[in-house]
Amino acid sequence: MSTTPKSLYRDEGIVLRTHKLGEADRIVTVLTRRHGKVRAVAKGVRRTKSKFGARLEPFSHVDLQLYTGRTLDIVSQAESIRSYGSVIAADYPAYTAGTAVLETADRLTAEEKEPSLRLFLLVVGALRALAERTHPSGLVLDAFLLRAMSVAGWEPALGDCARCGVTGPHRHFSVPAGGTVCPGCRPTGSAMPNPVTIGHLEALLSGDWDTAEASENPQRREGSGLVAALLQWHLERGLRSLPLVDRSDVAPRREAGLLSEA
């Protein structure tokens, strides 16, 4: 089948995952800036002489030229913008958090070629923060998950009641309801997280890193549990990568005097 000029397009994207196709090809799943999630065939990239195989690995930020195909597009060119893979993989907490970022982005973009610029920018920002060790990896991941849920239309209620909207703060938290709930709307089985934990989640959602990094480990752990429960509820099943996340780098950094870096 011959191609026409209209079938050729160019975009930048983050490689979310790959898998083998035949003896020499690879299918790459890429979250692009303008075309949403794209699945494309990279022909011959598993051969040792491939010019762009190494550029099409997970965590890579790439500039791509593709041809539109019947079922899968075809990668004709790939230029590296920045490869986060080796830097992130060198730090286990960052690697496990980054893997969860990529899986979340993949799961939140069920429809292919539906543009989601905000999610693309969130993924790029999260990978950059993990690679540059800007903040503890566990906090970067939780901030990403909260903001990604917001982009998907599932922003948790952390102040007003998730059901009736009455002004908070409220003491109870319901995952099925979508966040904090007032006494009148509180479902049976609602949790009662520490109010400091809710403030911690608000800081992560809004980008208040001074407050987020000043939090203590109990609030971070409790907050991570609430974030994971919310995401699993909305996705209807959990992420495979989330239980593997290493949060050993979440100790408060105040003693090191590094809060000014936030």
C-alpha atoms as a PDB file:
ATOM      1  CA  MET A   1       0.000   0.000   0.000  1.00  0.00           C
ATOM      2  CA  SER A   2       1.529   3.316  -1.026  1.00  0.00           C
ATOM      3  CA  THR A   3       1.674   6.230   1.352  1.00  0.00           C
ATOM      4  CA  THR A   4       0.654   9.802   0.646  1.00  0.00           C
ATOM      5  CA  PRO A   5       2.126  12.991   2.113  1.00  0.00           C
ATOM      6  CA  LYS A   6      -0.853  13.244   4.447  1.00  0.00           C
ATOM      7  CA  SER A   7       0.064   9.913   6.080  1.00  0.00           C
ATOM      8  CA  LEU A   8       3.377  11.286   7.365  1.00  0.00           C
ATOM      9  CA  TYR A   9       3.432  13.181  10.647  1.00  0.00           C
ATOM     10  CA  ARG A  10       5.934  14.313  13.250  1.00  0.00           C
ATOM     11  CA  ASP A  11       5.595  14.637  17.004  1.00  0.00           C
ATOM     12  CA  GLU A  12       7.581  14.400  20.213  1.00  0.00           C
ATOM     13  CA  GLY A  13       6.749  11.895  22.882  1.00  0.00           C
ATOM     14  CA  ILE A  14       7.716   9.791  25.876  1.00  0.00           C
ATOM     15  CA  VAL A  15       8.183   6.067  25.302  1.00  0.00           C
ATOM     16  CA  LEU A  16       5.920   4.299  27.793  1.00  0.00           C
ATOM     17  CA  ARG A  17       6.620   0.663  26.950  1.00  0.00           C
ATOM     18  CA  THR A  18       7.868  -1.650  24.230  1.00  0.00           C
ATOM     19  CA  HIS A  19       7.491  -5.264  23.232  1.00  0.00           C
ATOM     20  CA  LYS A  20       8.986  -7.491  20.591  1.00  0.00           C
ATOM     21  CA  LEU A  21       7.450  -8.067  17.192  1.00  0.00           C
ATOM     22  CA  GLY A  22       8.859 -10.822  15.009  1.00  0.00           C
ATOM     23  CA  GLU A  23      12.598 -11.335  14.920  1.00  0.00           C
ATOM     24  CA  ALA A  24      13.833  -7.781  14.477  1.00  0.00           C
ATOM     25  CA  ASP A  25      10.974  -5.321  15.043  1.00  0.00           C
ATOM     26  CA  ARG A  26       9.504  -3.735  18.129  1.00  0.00           C
ATOM     27  CA  ILE A  27       6.152  -2.183  18.976  1.00  0.00           C
ATOM     28  CA  VAL A  28       6.581   1.041  20.926  1.00  0.00           C
ATOM     29  CA  THR A  29       3.849   2.787  22.868  1.00  0.00           C
ATOM     30  CA  VAL A  30       4.470   6.527  23.006  1.00  0.00           C
ATOM     31  CA  LEU A  31       2.587   9.329  24.736  1.00  0.00           C
ATOM     32  CA  THR A  32       2.965  12.218  22.302  1.00  0.00           C
ATOM     33  CA  ARG A  33       2.491  15.928  22.755  1.00  0.00           C
ATOM     34  CA  ARG A  34      -0.116  16.462  20.020  1.00  0.00           C
ATOM     35  CA  HIS A  35      -1.478  13.031  19.075  1.00  0.00           C
ATOM     36  CA  GLY A  36      -2.009  11.391  22.456  1.00  0.00           C
ATOM     37  CA  LYS A  37      -1.001   7.770  22.837  1.00  0.00           C
ATOM     38  CA  VAL A  38       0.403   6.171  19.701  1.00  0.00           C
ATOM     39  CA  ARG A  39       1.365   2.542  19.132  1.00  0.00           C
ATOM     40  CA  ALA A  40       3.850   2.156  16.302  1.00  0.00           C
ATOM     41  CA  VAL A  41       6.174  -0.396  14.775  1.00  0.00           C
ATOM     42  CA  ALA A  42       9.890   0.359  14.814  1.00  0.00           C
ATOM     43  CA  LYS A  43      11.271  -1.888  12.087  1.00  0.00           C
ATOM     44  CA  GLY A  44      14.642  -3.534  12.511  1.00  0.00           C
ATOM     45  CA  VAL A  45      15.446  -1.842  15.815  1.00  0.00           C
ATOM     46  CA  ARG A  46      16.469  -5.103  17.480  1.00  0.00           C
ATOM     47  CA  ARG A  47      19.285  -5.609  15.011  1.00  0.00           C
ATOM     48  CA  THR A  48      22.710  -4.613  16.266  1.00  0.00           C
ATOM     49  CA  LYS A  49      23.153  -2.117  13.416  1.00  0.00           C
ATOM     50  CA  SER A  50      19.896  -0.284  14.137  1.00  0.00           C
ATOM     51  CA  LYS A  51      20.390   3.478  14.129  1.00  0.00           C
ATOM     52  CA  PHE A  52      17.583   4.374  16.495  1.00  0.00           C
ATOM     53  CA  GLY A  53      16.785   1.262  18.559  1.00  0.00           C
ATOM     54  CA  ALA A  54      18.423   2.678  21.698  1.00  0.00           C
ATOM     55  CA  ARG A  55      16.388   5.870  21.343  1.00  0.00           C
ATOM     56  CA  LEU A  56      13.108   3.966  21.578  1.00  0.00           C
ATOM     57  CA  GLU A  57      13.399   2.617  25.099  1.00  0.00           C
ATOM     58  CA  PRO A  58      11.053   3.412  28.029  1.00  0.00           C
ATOM     59  CA  PHE A  59      11.776   6.751  29.744  1.00  0.00           C
ATOM     60  CA  SER A  60      13.076   8.243  26.467  1.00  0.00           C
ATOM     61  CA  HIS A  61      11.873  11.665  25.326  1.00  0.00           C
ATOM     62  CA  VAL A  62      12.072  11.524  21.542  1.00  0.00           C
ATOM     63  CA  ASP A  63      11.248  13.440  18.387  1.00  0.00           C
ATOM     64  CA  LEU A  64       9.515  11.041  15.993  1.00  0.00           C
ATOM     65  CA  GLN A  65       8.517  10.926  12.364  1.00  0.00           C
ATOM     66  CA  LEU A  66       5.799   8.354  11.695  1.00  0.00           C
ATOM     67  CA  TYR A  67       3.652   7.001   8.900  1.00  0.00           C
ATOM     68  CA  THR A  68       0.004   6.283   9.571  1.00  0.00           C
ATOM     69  CA  GLY A  69      -0.793   2.588   9.226  1.00  0.00           C
ATOM     70  CA  ARG A  70      -3.979   0.549   9.125  1.00  0.00           C
ATOM     71  CA  THR A  71      -3.639  -0.771  12.684  1.00  0.00           C
ATOM     72  CA  LEU A  72      -0.215   0.377  13.854  1.00  0.00           C
ATOM     73  CA  ASP A  73       1.767   3.390  12.705  1.00  0.00           C
ATOM     74  CA  ILE A  74       5.362   3.006  11.546  1.00  0.00           C
ATOM     75  CA  VAL A  75       8.340   4.890  12.970  1.00  0.00           C
ATOM     76  CA  SER A  76      10.504   6.201  10.145  1.00  0.00           C
ATOM     77  CA  GLN A  77      12.808   8.469  12.185  1.00  0.00           C
ATOM     78  CA  ALA A  78      13.627   8.890  15.868  1.00  0.00           C
ATOM     79  CA  GLU A  79      15.840  11.583  17.378  1.00  0.00           C
ATOM     80  CA  SER A  80      16.605  11.753  21.080  1.00  0.00           C
ATOM     81  CA  ILE A  81      15.525  14.861  22.976  1.00  0.00           C
ATOM     82  CA  ARG A  82      16.530  13.478  26.368  1.00  0.00           C
ATOM     83  CA  SER A  83      16.936   9.943  27.636  1.00  0.00           C
ATOM     84  CA  TYR A  84      15.969   9.638  31.288  1.00  0.00           C
ATOM     85  CA  GLY A  85      16.349   5.861  31.422  1.00  0.00           C
ATOM     86  CA  SER A  86      19.945   5.346  32.531  1.00  0.00           C
ATOM     87  CA  VAL A  87      19.847   8.127  35.136  1.00  0.00           C
ATOM     88  CA  ILE A  88      16.552   6.977  36.626  1.00  0.00           C
ATOM     89  CA  ALA A  89      17.543   3.296  36.546  1.00  0.00           C
ATOM     90  CA  ALA A  90      20.665   4.094  38.581  1.00  0.00           C
ATOM     91  CA  ASP A  91      18.479   4.955  41.587  1.00  0.00           C
ATOM     92  CA  TYR A  92      16.066   2.207  42.641  1.00  0.00           C
ATOM     93  CA  PRO A  93      13.427   4.435  44.318  1.00  0.00           C
ATOM     94  CA  ALA A  94      13.440   6.697  41.251  1.00  0.00           C
ATOM     95  CA  TYR A  95      13.219   3.716  38.908  1.00  0.00           C
ATOM     96  CA  THR A  96      10.249   2.125  40.673  1.00  0.00           C
ATOM     97  CA  ALA A  97       8.468   5.486  40.891  1.00  0.00           C
ATOM     98  CA  GLY A  98       9.205   6.188  37.217  1.00  0.00           C
ATOM     99  CA  THR A  99       7.853   2.799  36.191  1.00  0.00           C
ATOM    100  CA  ALA A 100       4.608   3.618  38.016  1.00  0.00           C
ATOM    101  CA  VAL A 101       4.467   7.006  36.244  1.00  0.00           C
ATOM    102  CA  LEU A 102       4.740   5.346  32.824  1.00  0.00           C
ATOM    103  CA  GLU A 103       2.166   2.656  33.638  1.00  0.00           C
ATOM    104  CA  THR A 104      -0.273   5.254  34.956  1.00  0.00           C
ATOM    105  CA  ALA A 105       0.083   7.354  31.803  1.00  0.00           C
ATOM    106  CA  ASP A 106      -0.514   4.246  29.701  1.00  0.00           C
ATOM    107  CA  ARG A 107      -3.610   3.246  31.657  1.00  0.00           C
ATOM    108  CA  LEU A 108      -5.097   6.745  31.664  1.00  0.00           C
ATOM    109  CA  THR A 109      -4.903   6.975  27.865  1.00  0.00           C
ATOM    110  CA  ALA A 110      -7.078   4.033  26.898  1.00  0.00           C
ATOM    111  CA  GLU A 111      -8.143   5.744  23.668  1.00  0.00           C
ATOM    112  CA  GLU A 112      -5.299   6.050  21.213  1.00  0.00           C
ATOM    113  CA  LYS A 113      -4.635   9.320  19.393  1.00  0.00           C
ATOM    114  CA  GLU A 114      -6.740  11.348  21.823  1.00  0.00           C
ATOM    115  CA  PRO A 115      -4.544  14.395  22.582  1.00  0.00           C
ATOM    116  CA  SER A 116      -3.752  14.993  26.256  1.00  0.00           C
ATOM    117  CA  LEU A 117      -1.180  17.762  26.442  1.00  0.00           C
ATOM    118  CA  ARG A 118      -1.572  18.219  30.208  1.00  0.00           C
ATOM    119  CA  LEU A 119      -0.840  14.562  30.891  1.00  0.00           C
ATOM    120  CA  PHE A 120       2.136  14.615  28.526  1.00  0.00           C
ATOM    121  CA  LEU A 121       3.591  17.621  30.352  1.00  0.00           C
ATOM    122  CA  LEU A 122       2.969  15.949  33.716  1.00  0.00           C
ATOM    123  CA  VAL A 123       4.888  12.852  32.601  1.00  0.00           C
ATOM    124  CA  VAL A 124       7.811  14.918  31.294  1.00  0.00           C
ATOM    125  CA  GLY A 125       7.896  16.928  34.516  1.00  0.00           C
ATOM    126  CA  ALA A 126       7.798  13.822  36.702  1.00  0.00           C
ATOM    127  CA  LEU A 127      10.594  12.089  34.805  1.00  0.00           C
ATOM    128  CA  ARG A 128      12.735  15.217  34.902  1.00  0.00           C
ATOM    129  CA  ALA A 129      12.206  15.538  38.667  1.00  0.00           C
ATOM    130  CA  LEU A 130      13.109  11.873  39.187  1.00  0.00           C
ATOM    131  CA  ALA A 131      16.210  12.125  37.008  1.00  0.00           C
ATOM    132  CA  GLU A 132      17.418  15.329  38.654  1.00  0.00           C
ATOM    133  CA  ARG A 133      16.512  14.176  42.202  1.00  0.00           C
ATOM    134  CA  THR A 134      14.641  17.427  42.679  1.00  0.00           C
ATOM    135  CA  HIS A 135      12.391  15.915  45.362  1.00  0.00           C
ATOM    136  CA  PRO A 136      12.079  12.499  47.044  1.00  0.00           C
ATOM    137  CA  SER A 137      10.873   9.973  44.499  1.00  0.00           C
ATOM    138  CA  GLY A 138       7.855   8.896  46.528  1.00  0.00           C
ATOM    139  CA  LEU A 139       6.607  12.476  46.737  1.00  0.00           C
ATOM    140  CA  VAL A 140       7.148  13.028  43.021  1.00  0.00           C
ATOM    141  CA  LEU A 141       5.091   9.925  42.277  1.00  0.00           C
ATOM    142  CA  ASP A 142       2.222  10.856  44.606  1.00  0.00           C
ATOM    143  CA  ALA A 143       2.135  14.392  43.215  1.00  0.00           C
ATOM    144  CA  PHE A 144       2.043  12.985  39.692  1.00  0.00           C
ATOM    145  CA  LEU A 145      -0.757  10.539  40.532  1.00  0.00           C
ATOM    146  CA  LEU A 146      -2.898  13.239  42.148  1.00  0.00           C
ATOM    147  CA  ARG A 147      -2.443  15.619  39.223  1.00  0.00           C
ATOM    148  CA  ALA A 148      -2.951  12.852  36.646  1.00  0.00           C
ATOM    149  CA  MET A 149      -6.246  11.944  38.306  1.00  0.00           C
ATOM    150  CA  SER A 150      -7.178  15.619  38.157  1.00  0.00           C
ATOM    151  CA  VAL A 151      -6.454  15.684  34.410  1.00  0.00           C
ATOM    152  CA  ALA A 152      -8.619  12.581  33.987  1.00  0.00           C
ATOM    153  CA  GLY A 153     -11.512  14.319  35.768  1.00  0.00           C
ATOM    154  CA  TRP A 154     -11.031  12.515  39.083  1.00  0.00           C
ATOM    155  CA  GLU A 155      -9.461  15.218  41.228  1.00  0.00           C
ATOM    156  CA  PRO A 156     -10.016  14.179  44.850  1.00  0.00           C
ATOM    157  CA  ALA A 157     -11.949  16.443  47.178  1.00  0.00           C
ATOM    158  CA  LEU A 158      -9.519  17.469  49.899  1.00  0.00           C
ATOM    159  CA  GLY A 159     -11.428  20.373  51.431  1.00  0.00           C
ATOM    160  CA  ASP A 160     -15.127  20.530  50.692  1.00  0.00           C
ATOM    161  CA  CYS A 161     -17.392  17.490  50.827  1.00  0.00           C
ATOM    162  CA  ALA A 162     -16.976  15.249  47.776  1.00  0.00           C
ATOM    163  CA  ARG A 163     -20.726  14.594  47.648  1.00  0.00           C
ATOM    164  CA  CYS A 164     -22.602  17.751  48.611  1.00  0.00           C
ATOM    165  CA  GLY A 165     -19.846  20.354  48.369  1.00  0.00           C
ATOM    166  CA  VAL A 166     -20.333  21.768  51.864  1.00  0.00           C
ATOM    167  CA  THR A 167     -17.273  23.682  53.000  1.00  0.00           C
ATOM    168  CA  GLY A 168     -14.694  21.719  54.963  1.00  0.00           C
ATOM    169  CA  PRO A 169     -12.384  20.671  56.398  1.00  0.00           C
ATOM    170  CA  HIS A 170     -14.013  17.324  57.108  1.00  0.00           C
ATOM    171  CA  ARG A 171     -12.641  14.482  59.215  1.00  0.00           C
ATOM    172  CA  HIS A 172     -13.777  11.542  57.116  1.00  0.00           C
ATOM    173  CA  PHE A 173     -12.437  10.297  53.788  1.00  0.00           C
ATOM    174  CA  SER A 174     -14.286   7.996  51.398  1.00  0.00           C
ATOM    175  CA  VAL A 175     -12.511   6.498  48.401  1.00  0.00           C
ATOM    176  CA  PRO A 176     -15.765   5.622  46.536  1.00  0.00           C
ATOM    177  CA  ALA A 177     -17.082   9.143  47.170  1.00  0.00           C
ATOM    178  CA  GLY A 178     -13.852  10.681  45.883  1.00  0.00           C
ATOM    179  CA  GLY A 179     -12.340  12.338  48.926  1.00  0.00           C
ATOM    180  CA  THR A 180     -13.315  14.052  52.159  1.00  0.00           C
ATOM    181  CA  VAL A 181     -16.972  13.863  53.172  1.00  0.00           C
ATOM    182  CA  CYS A 182     -19.121  15.725  55.666  1.00  0.00           C
ATOM    183  CA  PRO A 183     -20.917  13.909  58.518  1.00  0.00           C
ATOM    184  CA  GLY A 184     -24.199  13.916  56.610  1.00  0.00           C
ATOM    185  CA  CYS A 185     -22.700  12.300  53.507  1.00  0.00           C
ATOM    186  CA  ARG A 186     -20.249   9.968  55.230  1.00  0.00           C
ATOM    187  CA  PRO A 187     -20.653   6.395  53.949  1.00  0.00           C
ATOM    188  CA  THR A 188     -20.178   3.426  56.214  1.00  0.00           C
ATOM    189  CA  GLY A 189     -16.552   2.387  56.378  1.00  0.00           C
ATOM    190  CA  SER A 190     -15.100   5.827  55.702  1.00  0.00           C
ATOM    191  CA  ALA A 191     -11.540   6.388  56.890  1.00  0.00           C
ATOM    192  CA  MET A 192     -10.415   9.057  59.345  1.00  0.00           C
ATOM    193  CA  PRO A 193      -6.957  10.137  58.174  1.00  0.00           C
ATOM    194  CA  ASN A 194      -4.850  12.553  60.134  1.00  0.00           C
ATOM    195  CA  PRO A 195      -5.791  16.121  59.104  1.00  0.00           C
ATOM    196  CA  VAL A 196      -2.078  16.729  58.503  1.00  0.00           C
ATOM    197  CA  THR A 197      -2.174  13.967  55.884  1.00  0.00           C
ATOM    198  CA  ILE A 198      -4.926  15.764  53.975  1.00  0.00           C
ATOM    199  CA  GLY A 199      -2.871  18.955  54.117  1.00  0.00           C
ATOM    200  CA  HIS A 200       0.076  16.992  52.765  1.00  0.00           C
ATOM    201  CA  LEU A 201      -1.992  15.773  49.807  1.00  0.00           C
ATOM    202  CA  GLU A 202      -3.232  19.303  49.149  1.00  0.00           C
ATOM    203  CA  ALA A 203       0.390  20.469  49.044  1.00  0.00           C
ATOM    204  CA  LEU A 204       1.338  17.755  46.549  1.00  0.00           C
ATOM    205  CA  LEU A 205      -1.644  18.540  44.355  1.00  0.00           C
ATOM    206  CA  SER A 206      -0.950  22.276  44.319  1.00  0.00           C
ATOM    207  CA  GLY A 207       2.853  22.034  44.021  1.00  0.00           C
ATOM    208  CA  ASP A 208       3.614  23.454  47.474  1.00  0.00           C
ATOM    209  CA  TRP A 209       6.890  21.546  47.852  1.00  0.00           C
ATOM    210  CA  ASP A 210       8.002  23.358  51.003  1.00  0.00           C
ATOM    211  CA  THR A 211       4.970  21.977  52.843  1.00  0.00           C
ATOM    212  CA  ALA A 212       5.159  18.575  51.169  1.00  0.00           C
ATOM    213  CA  GLU A 213       8.820  18.031  52.042  1.00  0.00           C
ATOM    214  CA  ALA A 214       8.267  19.210  55.626  1.00  0.00           C
ATOM    215  CA  SER A 215       5.800  16.346  56.194  1.00  0.00           C
ATOM    216  CA  GLU A 216       6.664  13.393  58.408  1.00  0.00           C
ATOM    217  CA  ASN A 217       6.883   9.777  57.309  1.00  0.00           C
ATOM    218  CA  PRO A 218       3.591   8.650  58.931  1.00  0.00           C
ATOM    219  CA  GLN A 219       1.645  11.271  56.984  1.00  0.00           C
ATOM    220  CA  ARG A 220       3.520  10.423  53.787  1.00  0.00           C
ATOM    221  CA  ARG A 221       2.722   6.733  54.161  1.00  0.00           C
ATOM    222  CA  GLU A 222      -0.910   7.403  54.960  1.00  0.00           C
ATOM    223  CA  GLY A 223      -1.185   9.827  52.055  1.00  0.00           C
ATOM    224  CA  SER A 224       0.389   7.333  49.652  1.00  0.00           C
ATOM    225  CA  GLY A 225      -2.159   4.745  50.721  1.00  0.00           C
ATOM    226  CA  LEU A 226      -5.057   7.101  50.049  1.00  0.00           C
ATOM    227  CA  VAL A 227      -3.657   8.085  46.640  1.00  0.00           C
ATOM    228  CA  ALA A 228      -3.167   4.443  45.640  1.00  0.00           C
ATOM    229  CA  ALA A 229      -6.676   3.526  46.786  1.00  0.00           C
ATOM    230  CA  LEU A 230      -8.216   6.389  44.819  1.00  0.00           C
ATOM    231  CA  LEU A 231      -6.331   5.490  41.661  1.00  0.00           C
ATOM    232  CA  GLN A 232      -7.215   1.815  41.941  1.00  0.00           C
ATOM    233  CA  TRP A 233     -10.891   2.705  42.450  1.00  0.00           C
ATOM    234  CA  HIS A 234     -11.008   4.841  39.326  1.00  0.00           C
ATOM    235  CA  LEU A 235      -9.012   2.424  37.174  1.00  0.00           C
ATOM    236  CA  GLU A 236     -11.054  -0.494  38.559  1.00  0.00           C
ATOM    237  CA  ARG A 237      -7.869  -2.466  39.110  1.00  0.00           C
ATOM    238  CA  GLY A 238      -4.496  -1.640  40.581  1.00  0.00           C
ATOM    239  CA  LEU A 239      -1.245  -0.845  38.870  1.00  0.00           C
ATOM    240  CA  ARG A 240       1.174  -3.751  38.707  1.00  0.00           C
ATOM    241  CA  SER A 241       4.091  -1.426  39.387  1.00  0.00           C
ATOM    242  CA  LEU A 242       2.658   0.432  42.396  1.00  0.00           C
ATOM    243  CA  PRO A 243       3.253  -2.262  45.066  1.00  0.00           C
ATOM    244  CA  LEU A 244       6.893  -2.410  43.955  1.00  0.00           C
ATOM    245  CA  VAL A 245       7.587   1.291  44.546  1.00  0.00           C
ATOM    246  CA  ASP A 246      10.540   1.794  46.886  1.00  0.00           C
ATOM    247  CA  ARG A 247       9.828   4.711  49.220  1.00  0.00           C
ATOM    248  CA  SER A 248      13.054   4.462  51.194  1.00  0.00           C
ATOM    249  CA  ASP A 249      14.023   7.996  50.209  1.00  0.00           C
ATOM    250  CA  VAL A 250      11.049   9.702  51.857  1.00  0.00           C
ATOM    251  CA  ALA A 251      12.744  10.703  55.112  1.00  0.00           C
ATOM    252  CA  PRO A 252      12.265  14.421  55.838  1.00  0.00           C
ATOM    253  CA  ARG A 253      15.136  16.515  54.502  1.00  0.00           C
ATOM    254  CA  ARG A 254      14.938  19.378  56.973  1.00  0.00           C
ATOM    255  CA  GLU A 255      18.039  18.190  58.822  1.00  0.00           C
ATOM    256  CA  ALA A 256      20.040  18.535  55.631  1.00  0.00           C
ATOM    257  CA  GLY A 257      18.787  22.051  55.096  1.00  0.00           C
ATOM    258  CA  LEU A 258      17.551  21.274  51.592  1.00  0.00           C
ATOM    259  CA  LEU A 259      14.025  22.624  51.703  1.00  0.00           C
ATOM    260  CA  SER A 260      15.198  25.703  49.844  1.00  0.00           C
ATOM    261  CA  GLU A 261      15.639  23.499  46.748  1.00  0.00           C
ATOM    262  CA  ALA A 262      11.901  22.855  46.442  1.00  0.00           C
END
